C-alpha atoms as a PDB file:
ATOM      1  CA  UNK A   1     -15.077 -10.126  -3.265  1.00  0.00           C
ATOM      2  CA  UNK A   2     -12.509  -9.738  -6.016  1.00  0.00           C
ATOM      3  CA  UNK A   3      -8.901 -10.316  -4.980  1.00  0.00           C
ATOM      4  CA  UNK A   4      -6.740  -7.311  -4.169  1.00  0.00           C
ATOM      5  CA  UNK A   5      -3.517  -7.234  -6.179  1.00  0.00           C
ATOM      6  CA  UNK A   6      -0.285  -6.751  -4.239  1.00  0.00           C
ATOM      7  CA  UNK A   7       2.879  -5.842  -6.113  1.00  0.00           C
ATOM      8  CA  UNK A   8       5.790  -6.524  -3.804  1.00  0.00           C
ATOM      9  CA  UNK A   9       6.144  -9.476  -1.439  1.00  0.00           C
ATOM     10  CA  UNK A  10       8.448  -7.960   1.166  1.00  0.00           C
ATOM     11  CA  UNK A  11       7.435  -7.158   4.752  1.00  0.00           C
ATOM     12  CA  UNK A  12       4.693  -4.638   3.969  1.00  0.00           C
ATOM     13  CA  UNK A  13       3.131  -6.655   1.149  1.00  0.00           C
ATOM     14  CA  UNK A  14       3.007  -9.800   3.274  1.00  0.00           C
ATOM     15  CA  UNK A  15       1.704  -7.997   6.360  1.00  0.00           C
ATOM     16  CA  UNK A  16      -1.126  -6.261   4.494  1.00  0.00           C
ATOM     17  CA  UNK A  17      -1.954  -9.548   2.756  1.00  0.00           C
ATOM     18  CA  UNK A  18      -2.199 -11.296   6.136  1.00  0.00           C
ATOM     19  CA  UNK A  19      -4.589  -8.641   7.497  1.00  0.00           C
ATOM     20  CA  UNK A  20      -6.778  -8.878   4.392  1.00  0.00           C
ATOM     21  CA  UNK A  21      -6.874 -12.670   4.475  1.00  0.00           C
ATOM     22  CA  UNK A  22      -7.769 -12.677   8.172  1.00  0.00           C
ATOM     23  CA  UNK A  23     -10.936 -10.821   7.136  1.00  0.00           C
ATOM     24  CA  UNK A  24     -11.744 -13.075   4.167  1.00  0.00           C
ATOM     25  CA  UNK A  25     -10.441 -10.696   1.507  1.00  0.00           C
ATOM     26  CA  UNK A  26      -8.539 -12.725  -1.108  1.00  0.00           C
ATOM     27  CA  UNK A  27      -5.190 -11.488  -2.409  1.00  0.00           C
ATOM     28  CA  UNK A  28      -3.018 -12.095  -5.428  1.00  0.00           C
ATOM     29  CA  UNK A  29       0.601 -11.257  -4.707  1.00  0.00           C
ATOM     30  CA  UNK A  30       3.612 -10.836  -6.953  1.00  0.00           C
ATOM     31  CA  UNK A  31       7.294 -10.059  -6.804  1.00  0.00           C
ATOM     32  CA  UNK A  32       9.912  -9.260  -9.435  1.00  0.00           C
ATOM     33  CA  UNK A  33      11.222 -12.842  -9.545  1.00  0.00           C
ATOM     34  CA  UNK A  34       8.040 -14.675 -10.521  1.00  0.00           C
ATOM     35  CA  UNK A  35       5.275 -16.633  -8.753  1.00  0.00           C
ATOM     36  CA  UNK A  36       7.334 -19.820  -8.464  1.00  0.00           C
ATOM     37  CA  UNK A  37       9.580 -18.015  -5.928  1.00  0.00           C
ATOM     38  CA  UNK A  38       6.610 -17.238  -3.648  1.00  0.00           C
ATOM     39  CA  UNK A  39       5.749 -20.806  -2.622  1.00  0.00           C
ATOM     40  CA  UNK A  40       6.889 -20.309   0.978  1.00  0.00           C
ATOM     41  CA  UNK A  41       5.084 -16.962   1.214  1.00  0.00           C
ATOM     42  CA  UNK A  42       1.819 -18.504   0.013  1.00  0.00           C
ATOM     43  CA  UNK A  43       2.196 -21.357   2.505  1.00  0.00           C
ATOM     44  CA  UNK A  44       2.657 -18.808   5.304  1.00  0.00           C
ATOM     45  CA  UNK A  45      -0.310 -16.696   4.181  1.00  0.00           C
ATOM     46  CA  UNK A  46      -2.623 -19.653   3.709  1.00  0.00           C
ATOM     47  CA  UNK A  47      -6.040 -19.957   2.106  1.00  0.00           C
ATOM     48  CA  UNK A  48      -7.149 -17.071  -0.097  1.00  0.00           C
ATOM     49  CA  UNK A  49      -3.654 -16.112  -1.247  1.00  0.00           C
ATOM     50  CA  UNK A  50      -2.351 -16.831  -4.722  1.00  0.00           C
ATOM     51  CA  UNK A  51       1.060 -16.099  -6.249  1.00  0.00           C
ATOM     52  CA  UNK A  52       0.896 -14.438  -9.664  1.00  0.00           C
ATOM     53  CA  UNK A  53       3.147 -12.455 -11.961  1.00  0.00           C
ATOM     54  CA  UNK A  54       3.212  -8.667 -11.803  1.00  0.00           C
ATOM     55  CA  UNK A  55       0.978  -8.205 -14.838  1.00  0.00           C
ATOM     56  CA  UNK A  56      -1.693 -10.419 -13.250  1.00  0.00           C
ATOM     57  CA  UNK A  57      -1.513  -8.552  -9.930  1.00  0.00           C
ATOM     58  CA  UNK A  58      -1.940  -5.294 -11.875  1.00  0.00           C
ATOM     59  CA  UNK A  59      -5.200  -6.582 -13.383  1.00  0.00           C
ATOM     60  CA  UNK A  60      -7.004  -6.323 -10.021  1.00  0.00           C
ATOM     61  CA  UNK A  61      -9.363  -3.379  -9.529  1.00  0.00           C
ATOM     62  CA  UNK A  62      -7.442  -2.406  -6.387  1.00  0.00           C
ATOM     63  CA  UNK A  63      -3.657  -2.707  -6.437  1.00  0.00           C
ATOM     64  CA  UNK A  64      -1.259  -2.166  -3.528  1.00  0.00           C
ATOM     65  CA  UNK A  65       2.239  -0.952  -4.388  1.00  0.00           C
ATOM     66  CA  UNK A  66       4.489  -2.437  -1.696  1.00  0.00           C
ATOM     67  CA  UNK A  67       7.823  -2.397  -3.493  1.00  0.00           C
ATOM     68  CA  UNK A  68      11.027  -0.415  -3.024  1.00  0.00           C
ATOM     69  CA  UNK A  69      10.932   3.170  -4.286  1.00  0.00           C
ATOM     70  CA  UNK A  70      13.700   2.452  -6.775  1.00  0.00           C
ATOM     71  CA  UNK A  71      11.458  -0.133  -8.498  1.00  0.00           C
ATOM     72  CA  UNK A  72       8.339   2.036  -8.944  1.00  0.00           C
ATOM     73  CA  UNK A  73       9.549   3.803 -12.077  1.00  0.00           C
ATOM     74  CA  UNK A  74      10.577   0.452 -13.618  1.00  0.00           C
ATOM     75  CA  UNK A  75       7.121  -0.930 -12.834  1.00  0.00           C
ATOM     76  CA  UNK A  76       5.516   1.989 -14.667  1.00  0.00           C
ATOM     77  CA  UNK A  77       7.349   1.005 -17.839  1.00  0.00           C
ATOM     78  CA  UNK A  78       5.834  -2.496 -17.858  1.00  0.00           C
ATOM     79  CA  UNK A  79       2.464  -2.063 -16.137  1.00  0.00           C
ATOM     80  CA  UNK A  80      -0.685  -0.110 -17.020  1.00  0.00           C
ATOM     81  CA  UNK A  81      -2.741   0.827 -13.967  1.00  0.00           C
ATOM     82  CA  UNK A  82      -5.115   3.158 -15.799  1.00  0.00           C
ATOM     83  CA  UNK A  83      -8.467   3.382 -13.995  1.00  0.00           C
ATOM     84  CA  UNK A  84      -7.275   1.244 -11.068  1.00  0.00           C
ATOM     85  CA  UNK A  85      -7.358   2.255  -7.425  1.00  0.00           C
ATOM     86  CA  UNK A  86      -3.675   2.156  -6.537  1.00  0.00           C
ATOM     87  CA  UNK A  87      -2.731   2.145  -2.862  1.00  0.00           C
ATOM     88  CA  UNK A  88       0.722   3.675  -2.646  1.00  0.00           C
ATOM     89  CA  UNK A  89       2.504   2.173   0.357  1.00  0.00           C
ATOM     90  CA  UNK A  90       5.952   3.203  -0.885  1.00  0.00           C
ATOM     91  CA  UNK A  91       8.394   5.578   0.796  1.00  0.00           C
ATOM     92  CA  UNK A  92      10.936   7.481  -1.272  1.00  0.00           C
ATOM     93  CA  UNK A  93      14.050   6.039   0.299  1.00  0.00           C
ATOM     94  CA  UNK A  94      17.147   5.504  -1.799  1.00  0.00           C
ATOM     95  CA  UNK A  95      18.949   2.152  -1.467  1.00  0.00           C
ATOM     96  CA  UNK A  96      21.236   3.727   1.175  1.00  0.00           C
ATOM     97  CA  UNK A  97      18.113   4.822   3.165  1.00  0.00           C
ATOM     98  CA  UNK A  98      18.593   8.498   2.405  1.00  0.00           C
ATOM     99  CA  UNK A  99      15.433  10.254   1.231  1.00  0.00           C
ATOM    100  CA  UNK A 100      15.322  11.121  -2.463  1.00  0.00           C
ATOM    101  CA  UNK A 101      14.969  14.825  -3.288  1.00  0.00           C
ATOM    102  CA  UNK A 102      11.719  15.156  -5.248  1.00  0.00           C
ATOM    103  CA  UNK A 103      11.984  18.880  -5.853  1.00  0.00           C
ATOM    104  CA  UNK A 104       9.149  19.797  -3.501  1.00  0.00           C
ATOM    105  CA  UNK A 105       6.678  17.254  -4.887  1.00  0.00           C
ATOM    106  CA  UNK A 106       5.020  14.683  -2.686  1.00  0.00           C
ATOM    107  CA  UNK A 107       6.207  11.155  -3.422  1.00  0.00           C
ATOM    108  CA  UNK A 108       2.652  10.089  -4.307  1.00  0.00           C
ATOM    109  CA  UNK A 109       2.447  12.923  -6.839  1.00  0.00           C
ATOM    110  CA  UNK A 110       5.516  11.390  -8.472  1.00  0.00           C
ATOM    111  CA  UNK A 111       3.823   7.967  -8.408  1.00  0.00           C
ATOM    112  CA  UNK A 112       0.702   9.539  -9.960  1.00  0.00           C
ATOM    113  CA  UNK A 113       2.926  10.874 -12.725  1.00  0.00           C
ATOM    114  CA  UNK A 114       4.278   7.382 -13.371  1.00  0.00           C
ATOM    115  CA  UNK A 115       0.742   5.944 -13.597  1.00  0.00           C
ATOM    116  CA  UNK A 116      -1.457   8.570 -15.286  1.00  0.00           C
ATOM    117  CA  UNK A 117      -5.118   7.663 -15.150  1.00  0.00           C
ATOM    118  CA  UNK A 118      -4.728   5.630 -11.961  1.00  0.00           C
ATOM    119  CA  UNK A 119      -6.528   6.623  -8.774  1.00  0.00           C
ATOM    120  CA  UNK A 120      -3.691   6.930  -6.249  1.00  0.00           C
ATOM    121  CA  UNK A 121      -4.386   6.687  -2.524  1.00  0.00           C
ATOM    122  CA  UNK A 122      -1.416   7.009  -0.168  1.00  0.00           C
ATOM    123  CA  UNK A 123      -1.750   4.601   2.769  1.00  0.00           C
ATOM    124  CA  UNK A 124      -0.149   1.721   4.716  1.00  0.00           C
ATOM    125  CA  UNK A 125       3.253   3.452   4.665  1.00  0.00           C
ATOM    126  CA  UNK A 126       3.589   5.240   8.018  1.00  0.00           C
ATOM    127  CA  UNK A 127       3.757   2.351  10.469  1.00  0.00           C
ATOM    128  CA  UNK A 128       6.939   0.349  10.884  1.00  0.00           C
ATOM    129  CA  UNK A 129       6.369  -3.274   9.871  1.00  0.00           C
ATOM    130  CA  UNK A 130       6.334  -4.653  13.430  1.00  0.00           C
ATOM    131  CA  UNK A 131       3.573  -2.221  14.434  1.00  0.00           C
ATOM    132  CA  UNK A 132       1.623  -2.689  11.190  1.00  0.00           C
ATOM    133  CA  UNK A 133       1.687  -6.465  11.759  1.00  0.00           C
ATOM    134  CA  UNK A 134       0.297  -6.196  15.296  1.00  0.00           C
ATOM    135  CA  UNK A 135      -3.390  -6.416  16.168  1.00  0.00           C
ATOM    136  CA  UNK A 136      -4.937  -3.106  15.028  1.00  0.00           C
ATOM    137  CA  UNK A 137      -7.446  -3.232  17.890  1.00  0.00           C
ATOM    138  CA  UNK A 138      -5.755  -1.742  20.946  1.00  0.00           C
ATOM    139  CA  UNK A 139      -7.822  -1.553  24.142  1.00  0.00           C
ATOM    140  CA  UNK A 140     -11.002   0.263  23.151  1.00  0.00           C
ATOM    141  CA  UNK A 141      -9.414   1.857  20.102  1.00  0.00           C
ATOM    142  CA  UNK A 142      -8.097   1.099  16.640  1.00  0.00           C
ATOM    143  CA  UNK A 143      -4.631   1.792  15.264  1.00  0.00           C
ATOM    144  CA  UNK A 144      -4.665   4.676  12.753  1.00  0.00           C
ATOM    145  CA  UNK A 145      -3.827   4.425   9.054  1.00  0.00           C
ATOM    146  CA  UNK A 146      -3.772   7.669   7.114  1.00  0.00           C
ATOM    147  CA  UNK A 147      -5.165   8.097   3.603  1.00  0.00           C
ATOM    148  CA  UNK A 148      -4.512  10.870   1.098  1.00  0.00           C
ATOM    149  CA  UNK A 149      -5.594  11.215  -2.492  1.00  0.00           C
ATOM    150  CA  UNK A 150      -7.238  13.338  -5.147  1.00  0.00           C
ATOM    151  CA  UNK A 151     -10.061  10.872  -5.926  1.00  0.00           C
ATOM    152  CA  UNK A 152     -12.660  11.004  -3.142  1.00  0.00           C
ATOM    153  CA  UNK A 153     -14.394   7.767  -4.149  1.00  0.00           C
ATOM    154  CA  UNK A 154     -11.063   5.904  -4.220  1.00  0.00           C
ATOM    155  CA  UNK A 155     -10.285   7.194  -0.722  1.00  0.00           C
ATOM    156  CA  UNK A 156     -13.695   6.012   0.490  1.00  0.00           C
ATOM    157  CA  UNK A 157     -13.110   2.520  -0.932  1.00  0.00           C
ATOM    158  CA  UNK A 158      -9.632   2.253   0.592  1.00  0.00           C
ATOM    159  CA  UNK A 159     -10.948   3.595   3.913  1.00  0.00           C
ATOM    160  CA  UNK A 160     -13.642   0.890   3.916  1.00  0.00           C
ATOM    161  CA  UNK A 161     -10.962  -1.777   3.470  1.00  0.00           C
ATOM    162  CA  UNK A 162      -8.916  -0.220   6.276  1.00  0.00           C
ATOM    163  CA  UNK A 163     -11.952  -0.267   8.597  1.00  0.00           C
ATOM    164  CA  UNK A 164     -12.837  -3.830   7.600  1.00  0.00           C
ATOM    165  CA  UNK A 165      -9.414  -5.114   8.687  1.00  0.00           C
ATOM    166  CA  UNK A 166      -9.627  -3.348  12.054  1.00  0.00           C
ATOM    167  CA  UNK A 167      -7.726  -0.094  11.549  1.00  0.00           C
ATOM    168  CA  UNK A 168      -9.070   3.466  11.789  1.00  0.00           C
ATOM    169  CA  UNK A 169      -8.641   5.520   8.596  1.00  0.00           C
ATOM    170  CA  UNK A 170      -7.940   9.249   8.855  1.00  0.00           C
ATOM    171  CA  UNK A 171      -8.182  11.312   5.670  1.00  0.00           C
ATOM    172  CA  UNK A 172      -5.392  13.887   5.352  1.00  0.00           C
ATOM    173  CA  UNK A 173      -6.650  15.394   2.087  1.00  0.00           C
ATOM    174  CA  UNK A 174      -4.965  15.613  -1.299  1.00  0.00           C
ATOM    175  CA  UNK A 175      -1.775  14.030  -2.594  1.00  0.00           C
ATOM    176  CA  UNK A 176      -0.066  17.417  -2.801  1.00  0.00           C
ATOM    177  CA  UNK A 177      -0.871  18.286   0.820  1.00  0.00           C
ATOM    178  CA  UNK A 178      -1.874  15.215   2.830  1.00  0.00           C
ATOM    179  CA  UNK A 179       0.543  12.668   1.459  1.00  0.00           C
ATOM    180  CA  UNK A 180       3.483  14.942   2.325  1.00  0.00           C
ATOM    181  CA  UNK A 181       2.589  14.426   5.978  1.00  0.00           C
ATOM    182  CA  UNK A 182       2.639  10.643   5.463  1.00  0.00           C
ATOM    183  CA  UNK A 183       5.701  10.169   3.303  1.00  0.00           C
ATOM    184  CA  UNK A 184       9.196   9.338   4.513  1.00  0.00           C
ATOM    185  CA  UNK A 185      10.376  11.954   7.033  1.00  0.00           C
ATOM    186  CA  UNK A 186       6.910  13.565   6.944  1.00  0.00           C
ATOM    187  CA  UNK A 187       5.189  14.803  10.106  1.00  0.00           C
ATOM    188  CA  UNK A 188       3.218  11.564  10.572  1.00  0.00           C
ATOM    189  CA  UNK A 189       5.803   9.056   9.367  1.00  0.00           C
ATOM    190  CA  UNK A 190       6.391   6.325  11.967  1.00  0.00           C
ATOM    191  CA  UNK A 191       3.727   7.897  14.203  1.00  0.00           C
ATOM    192  CA  UNK A 192       1.681   5.214  15.963  1.00  0.00           C
ATOM    193  CA  UNK A 193      -1.710   6.641  16.909  1.00  0.00           C
ATOM    194  CA  UNK A 194      -4.812   4.964  18.357  1.00  0.00           C
ATOM    195  CA  UNK A 195      -8.287   6.308  17.580  1.00  0.00           C
ATOM    196  CA  UNK A 196     -10.766   5.763  20.412  1.00  0.00           C
END
């Protein structure tokens, strides 16, 4: 399997990488400071993880955006994600943790505008990091991760990855409708559900 590119090596990026690696899915991970600063992260993640620069992470067919909201627009100015499946795990928090006013648009619609031609799927953003890091198999059920997007095939591919790492995907529909439920302060944000 081709490596999944992860842009952002904070809590969410590292947690998703760990889940993928546990299921033999290789990852290439980047941050804004360069691969040489990720030595400790790669040691923690172990075999199958490789530190790269942002441009290299963006070359993967599937790219996870796990960076602060304030950095997404900057990323768009240096990175072309045309044709890529882009998993948007961002939340539109300002640096002071207030929620940015997007004028009625869903945050993933804004991300889609930054990366025209990409195939955006909103996911991995509703669970707090401690819960996301925990075993997704709970009793006889699986912890839920929501997906939203306008490209049905991209949602299917992301849902297959979600299932493969032990979570239960639930499709909420389009970016304009479904991702609003998932985004910061949305109905399903920080909601921890188990699918039996």
